[in-house]
């Protein structure tokens, strides 16, 4: 019979692998956006900062997995990276690409927040207390990014509308 702690450890390890793939997906969503953003320099700067944070998060997840004697799932990483790239490309032909990306980024940040909350809960139940502060750091970064997007969404929308109304290219 499995104990709650052993089940929690299994859930935790799968969750860390999923989070690793999720962060790889986040990179595949954000990196093409940064390359295309021309008229929204503040958004570009924030995305570049969050790309750096995301790379740090991936390294922290790698360490958690290595400390537990595990490695990331290359299949999950590749699949979610491909899905993220397709999602990012799906907004390119839209005349309101910057808006669609902003909405999708806000939704994805909240998904990541939920994933880290669940990981922290499973780490606590699994007795993986060393991982908790590391996961809390990543959670805080995701919460900050979600807040930033929320606080700037009206501004981005208004800039898009103003650029569109003036006949200036507004999509990126």
C-alpha atoms as a PDB file:
ATOM      1  CA  UNK A   1       0.000   0.000   0.000  1.00  0.00           C
ATOM      2  CA  UNK A   2       1.319   3.435  -0.951  1.00  0.00           C
ATOM      3  CA  UNK A   3       1.588   6.104   1.689  1.00  0.00           C
ATOM      4  CA  UNK A   4       0.306   9.639   1.139  1.00  0.00           C
ATOM      5  CA  UNK A   5       3.923  10.829   1.205  1.00  0.00           C
ATOM      6  CA  UNK A   6       5.023   8.385  -1.517  1.00  0.00           C
ATOM      7  CA  UNK A   7       2.035   9.345  -3.674  1.00  0.00           C
ATOM      8  CA  UNK A   8       2.832  13.020  -3.065  1.00  0.00           C
ATOM      9  CA  UNK A   9       6.454  12.424  -4.135  1.00  0.00           C
ATOM     10  CA  UNK A  10       5.305  10.784  -7.375  1.00  0.00           C
ATOM     11  CA  UNK A  11       2.893  13.662  -8.024  1.00  0.00           C
ATOM     12  CA  UNK A  12       5.643  16.151  -7.170  1.00  0.00           C
ATOM     13  CA  UNK A  13       8.202  14.617  -9.557  1.00  0.00           C
ATOM     14  CA  UNK A  14       5.707  14.429 -12.413  1.00  0.00           C
ATOM     15  CA  UNK A  15       4.712  18.005 -11.619  1.00  0.00           C
ATOM     16  CA  UNK A  16       8.316  19.223 -11.747  1.00  0.00           C
ATOM     17  CA  UNK A  17       8.771  17.542 -15.146  1.00  0.00           C
ATOM     18  CA  UNK A  18       5.520  19.127 -16.307  1.00  0.00           C
ATOM     19  CA  UNK A  19       6.646  22.525 -15.013  1.00  0.00           C
ATOM     20  CA  UNK A  20       9.934  22.147 -16.875  1.00  0.00           C
ATOM     21  CA  UNK A  21       8.038  21.470 -20.104  1.00  0.00           C
ATOM     22  CA  UNK A  22       5.638  24.332 -19.313  1.00  0.00           C
ATOM     23  CA  UNK A  23       8.562  26.752 -18.967  1.00  0.00           C
ATOM     24  CA  UNK A  24      10.044  25.510 -22.248  1.00  0.00           C
ATOM     25  CA  UNK A  25       6.635  26.185 -23.791  1.00  0.00           C
ATOM     26  CA  UNK A  26       6.641  29.669 -22.282  1.00  0.00           C
ATOM     27  CA  UNK A  27       9.958  30.394 -24.002  1.00  0.00           C
ATOM     28  CA  UNK A  28       8.599  29.201 -27.330  1.00  0.00           C
ATOM     29  CA  UNK A  29       5.667  31.587 -26.899  1.00  0.00           C
ATOM     30  CA  UNK A  30       7.608  34.654 -25.723  1.00  0.00           C
ATOM     31  CA  UNK A  31      10.740  34.528 -27.893  1.00  0.00           C
ATOM     32  CA  UNK A  32       8.934  34.965 -31.245  1.00  0.00           C
ATOM     33  CA  UNK A  33       6.900  37.819 -29.763  1.00  0.00           C
ATOM     34  CA  UNK A  34      10.018  39.724 -28.706  1.00  0.00           C
ATOM     35  CA  UNK A  35      11.491  39.306 -32.181  1.00  0.00           C
ATOM     36  CA  UNK A  36       8.365  40.801 -33.753  1.00  0.00           C
ATOM     37  CA  UNK A  37       7.501  43.628 -31.367  1.00  0.00           C
ATOM     38  CA  UNK A  38       8.344  46.925 -33.016  1.00  0.00           C
ATOM     39  CA  UNK A  39       5.953  49.504 -31.591  1.00  0.00           C
ATOM     40  CA  UNK A  40       5.595  48.348 -27.984  1.00  0.00           C
ATOM     41  CA  UNK A  41       9.083  48.743 -26.463  1.00  0.00           C
ATOM     42  CA  UNK A  42       7.896  48.476 -22.857  1.00  0.00           C
ATOM     43  CA  UNK A  43       6.185  45.156 -23.612  1.00  0.00           C
ATOM     44  CA  UNK A  44       9.319  43.976 -25.394  1.00  0.00           C
ATOM     45  CA  UNK A  45      11.555  44.901 -22.443  1.00  0.00           C
ATOM     46  CA  UNK A  46       9.263  43.128 -19.980  1.00  0.00           C
ATOM     47  CA  UNK A  47       9.104  40.010 -22.147  1.00  0.00           C
ATOM     48  CA  UNK A  48      12.907  39.991 -22.441  1.00  0.00           C
ATOM     49  CA  UNK A  49      13.176  40.242 -18.652  1.00  0.00           C
ATOM     50  CA  UNK A  50      10.690  37.413 -18.206  1.00  0.00           C
ATOM     51  CA  UNK A  51      12.525  35.258 -20.759  1.00  0.00           C
ATOM     52  CA  UNK A  52      15.597  35.610 -18.558  1.00  0.00           C
ATOM     53  CA  UNK A  53      13.556  34.700 -15.472  1.00  0.00           C
ATOM     54  CA  UNK A  54      12.082  31.732 -17.332  1.00  0.00           C
ATOM     55  CA  UNK A  55      15.553  30.457 -18.196  1.00  0.00           C
ATOM     56  CA  UNK A  56      16.438  30.746 -14.495  1.00  0.00           C
ATOM     57  CA  UNK A  57      13.251  28.871 -13.588  1.00  0.00           C
ATOM     58  CA  UNK A  58      14.212  26.063 -15.965  1.00  0.00           C
ATOM     59  CA  UNK A  59      17.617  25.820 -14.303  1.00  0.00           C
ATOM     60  CA  UNK A  60      16.006  25.698 -10.859  1.00  0.00           C
ATOM     61  CA  UNK A  61      13.666  22.916 -12.025  1.00  0.00           C
ATOM     62  CA  UNK A  62      16.650  21.040 -13.498  1.00  0.00           C
ATOM     63  CA  UNK A  63      18.357  21.208 -10.098  1.00  0.00           C
ATOM     64  CA  UNK A  64      15.264  19.939  -8.277  1.00  0.00           C
ATOM     65  CA  UNK A  65      15.058  17.012 -10.692  1.00  0.00           C
ATOM     66  CA  UNK A  66      18.789  16.264 -10.487  1.00  0.00           C
ATOM     67  CA  UNK A  67      18.700  16.368  -6.690  1.00  0.00           C
ATOM     68  CA  UNK A  68      15.885  13.802  -6.826  1.00  0.00           C
ATOM     69  CA  UNK A  69      17.808  11.611  -9.278  1.00  0.00           C
ATOM     70  CA  UNK A  70      15.543  12.468 -12.213  1.00  0.00           C
ATOM     71  CA  UNK A  71      15.769  14.421 -15.443  1.00  0.00           C
ATOM     72  CA  UNK A  72      13.310  16.436 -17.514  1.00  0.00           C
ATOM     73  CA  UNK A  73      11.053  14.651 -19.961  1.00  0.00           C
ATOM     74  CA  UNK A  74      12.485  15.451 -23.386  1.00  0.00           C
ATOM     75  CA  UNK A  75       9.239  14.282 -24.995  1.00  0.00           C
ATOM     76  CA  UNK A  76       7.107  16.643 -22.874  1.00  0.00           C
ATOM     77  CA  UNK A  77       9.597  19.469 -23.427  1.00  0.00           C
ATOM     78  CA  UNK A  78       9.570  19.009 -27.207  1.00  0.00           C
ATOM     79  CA  UNK A  79       5.803  18.609 -27.461  1.00  0.00           C
ATOM     80  CA  UNK A  80       4.932  21.648 -25.364  1.00  0.00           C
ATOM     81  CA  UNK A  81       7.620  23.767 -27.048  1.00  0.00           C
ATOM     82  CA  UNK A  82       6.120  22.888 -30.421  1.00  0.00           C
ATOM     83  CA  UNK A  83       2.628  23.693 -29.156  1.00  0.00           C
ATOM     84  CA  UNK A  84       3.834  27.037 -27.806  1.00  0.00           C
ATOM     85  CA  UNK A  85       5.499  27.896 -31.095  1.00  0.00           C
ATOM     86  CA  UNK A  86       2.328  27.077 -33.012  1.00  0.00           C
ATOM     87  CA  UNK A  87       0.232  29.143 -30.613  1.00  0.00           C
ATOM     88  CA  UNK A  88       2.564  32.095 -31.064  1.00  0.00           C
ATOM     89  CA  UNK A  89       2.513  31.775 -34.856  1.00  0.00           C
ATOM     90  CA  UNK A  90      -1.265  31.502 -34.807  1.00  0.00           C
ATOM     91  CA  UNK A  91      -1.547  35.148 -33.775  1.00  0.00           C
ATOM     92  CA  UNK A  92       0.876  36.490 -36.405  1.00  0.00           C
ATOM     93  CA  UNK A  93      -1.616  36.882 -39.257  1.00  0.00           C
ATOM     94  CA  UNK A  94      -4.109  38.658 -37.011  1.00  0.00           C
ATOM     95  CA  UNK A  95      -4.386  42.392 -37.394  1.00  0.00           C
ATOM     96  CA  UNK A  96      -4.427  42.659 -33.616  1.00  0.00           C
ATOM     97  CA  UNK A  97      -1.499  40.340 -32.873  1.00  0.00           C
ATOM     98  CA  UNK A  98      -0.207  42.374 -29.923  1.00  0.00           C
ATOM     99  CA  UNK A  99      -3.627  42.232 -28.246  1.00  0.00           C
ATOM    100  CA  UNK A 100      -4.112  38.510 -28.809  1.00  0.00           C
ATOM    101  CA  UNK A 101      -0.586  37.829 -27.515  1.00  0.00           C
ATOM    102  CA  UNK A 102      -1.211  40.007 -24.457  1.00  0.00           C
ATOM    103  CA  UNK A 103      -4.424  38.152 -23.624  1.00  0.00           C
ATOM    104  CA  UNK A 104      -2.764  34.765 -24.164  1.00  0.00           C
ATOM    105  CA  UNK A 105       0.281  35.768 -22.100  1.00  0.00           C
ATOM    106  CA  UNK A 106      -1.948  36.831 -19.218  1.00  0.00           C
ATOM    107  CA  UNK A 107      -3.818  33.517 -19.342  1.00  0.00           C
ATOM    108  CA  UNK A 108      -0.568  31.525 -19.535  1.00  0.00           C
ATOM    109  CA  UNK A 109       0.967  33.386 -16.590  1.00  0.00           C
ATOM    110  CA  UNK A 110      -2.056  32.460 -14.496  1.00  0.00           C
ATOM    111  CA  UNK A 111      -1.735  28.834 -15.609  1.00  0.00           C
ATOM    112  CA  UNK A 112       1.897  28.888 -14.455  1.00  0.00           C
ATOM    113  CA  UNK A 113       0.845  30.413 -11.131  1.00  0.00           C
ATOM    114  CA  UNK A 114      -1.604  27.564 -10.596  1.00  0.00           C
ATOM    115  CA  UNK A 115       1.049  24.989 -11.529  1.00  0.00           C
ATOM    116  CA  UNK A 116       3.530  26.393  -9.004  1.00  0.00           C
ATOM    117  CA  UNK A 117       0.907  26.538  -6.253  1.00  0.00           C
ATOM    118  CA  UNK A 118       0.185  22.851  -6.869  1.00  0.00           C
ATOM    119  CA  UNK A 119       3.894  22.005  -6.960  1.00  0.00           C
ATOM    120  CA  UNK A 120       4.488  23.734  -3.639  1.00  0.00           C
ATOM    121  CA  UNK A 121       1.585  21.817  -2.077  1.00  0.00           C
ATOM    122  CA  UNK A 122       2.875  18.489  -3.383  1.00  0.00           C
ATOM    123  CA  UNK A 123       6.461  19.330  -2.308  1.00  0.00           C
ATOM    124  CA  UNK A 124       5.238  20.017   1.223  1.00  0.00           C
ATOM    125  CA  UNK A 125       3.279  16.751   1.350  1.00  0.00           C
ATOM    126  CA  UNK A 126       6.220  14.804  -0.128  1.00  0.00           C
ATOM    127  CA  UNK A 127       8.668  16.149   2.414  1.00  0.00           C
ATOM    128  CA  UNK A 128      10.618  17.930  -0.341  1.00  0.00           C
ATOM    129  CA  UNK A 129      11.089  21.029   1.794  1.00  0.00           C
ATOM    130  CA  UNK A 130      14.326  22.095   0.037  1.00  0.00           C
ATOM    131  CA  UNK A 131      12.367  22.615  -3.183  1.00  0.00           C
ATOM    132  CA  UNK A 132       9.731  24.884  -1.628  1.00  0.00           C
ATOM    133  CA  UNK A 133      11.716  28.164  -1.509  1.00  0.00           C
ATOM    134  CA  UNK A 134      12.919  27.603  -5.081  1.00  0.00           C
ATOM    135  CA  UNK A 135       9.366  26.996  -6.274  1.00  0.00           C
ATOM    136  CA  UNK A 136       8.137  30.009  -4.293  1.00  0.00           C
ATOM    137  CA  UNK A 137      10.705  32.154  -6.102  1.00  0.00           C
ATOM    138  CA  UNK A 138       9.357  31.001  -9.468  1.00  0.00           C
ATOM    139  CA  UNK A 139       5.793  31.500  -8.264  1.00  0.00           C
ATOM    140  CA  UNK A 140       6.635  35.069  -7.257  1.00  0.00           C
ATOM    141  CA  UNK A 141       8.146  35.789 -10.673  1.00  0.00           C
ATOM    142  CA  UNK A 142       5.032  34.465 -12.408  1.00  0.00           C
ATOM    143  CA  UNK A 143       2.771  36.493 -10.132  1.00  0.00           C
ATOM    144  CA  UNK A 144       4.803  39.639 -10.857  1.00  0.00           C
ATOM    145  CA  UNK A 145       4.567  39.049 -14.602  1.00  0.00           C
ATOM    146  CA  UNK A 146       0.818  38.408 -14.451  1.00  0.00           C
ATOM    147  CA  UNK A 147       0.370  41.615 -12.431  1.00  0.00           C
ATOM    148  CA  UNK A 148       2.465  43.585 -14.905  1.00  0.00           C
ATOM    149  CA  UNK A 149       0.420  42.343 -17.855  1.00  0.00           C
ATOM    150  CA  UNK A 150      -2.816  43.116 -16.027  1.00  0.00           C
ATOM    151  CA  UNK A 151      -1.622  46.611 -15.106  1.00  0.00           C
ATOM    152  CA  UNK A 152      -0.524  47.377 -18.688  1.00  0.00           C
ATOM    153  CA  UNK A 153      -3.259  45.692 -20.706  1.00  0.00           C
ATOM    154  CA  UNK A 154      -5.385  48.841 -20.948  1.00  0.00           C
ATOM    155  CA  UNK A 155      -2.336  50.859 -22.003  1.00  0.00           C
ATOM    156  CA  UNK A 156      -1.405  48.345 -24.718  1.00  0.00           C
ATOM    157  CA  UNK A 157      -5.005  48.259 -25.948  1.00  0.00           C
ATOM    158  CA  UNK A 158      -5.207  52.046 -26.074  1.00  0.00           C
ATOM    159  CA  UNK A 159      -1.872  52.286 -27.911  1.00  0.00           C
ATOM    160  CA  UNK A 160      -3.087  49.681 -30.404  1.00  0.00           C
ATOM    161  CA  UNK A 161      -6.310  51.609 -31.022  1.00  0.00           C
ATOM    162  CA  UNK A 162      -4.481  54.944 -31.361  1.00  0.00           C
ATOM    163  CA  UNK A 163      -1.969  53.497 -33.809  1.00  0.00           C
ATOM    164  CA  UNK A 164      -4.753  51.838 -35.806  1.00  0.00           C
ATOM    165  CA  UNK A 165      -6.810  55.047 -35.915  1.00  0.00           C
ATOM    166  CA  UNK A 166      -3.837  57.038 -37.193  1.00  0.00           C
ATOM    167  CA  UNK A 167      -3.234  54.534 -39.972  1.00  0.00           C
ATOM    168  CA  UNK A 168       0.059  53.428 -38.438  1.00  0.00           C
ATOM    169  CA  UNK A 169       0.930  49.755 -38.298  1.00  0.00           C
ATOM    170  CA  UNK A 170      -0.359  48.653 -34.890  1.00  0.00           C
ATOM    171  CA  UNK A 171      -0.251  44.869 -34.783  1.00  0.00           C
ATOM    172  CA  UNK A 172       3.286  44.442 -33.389  1.00  0.00           C
END
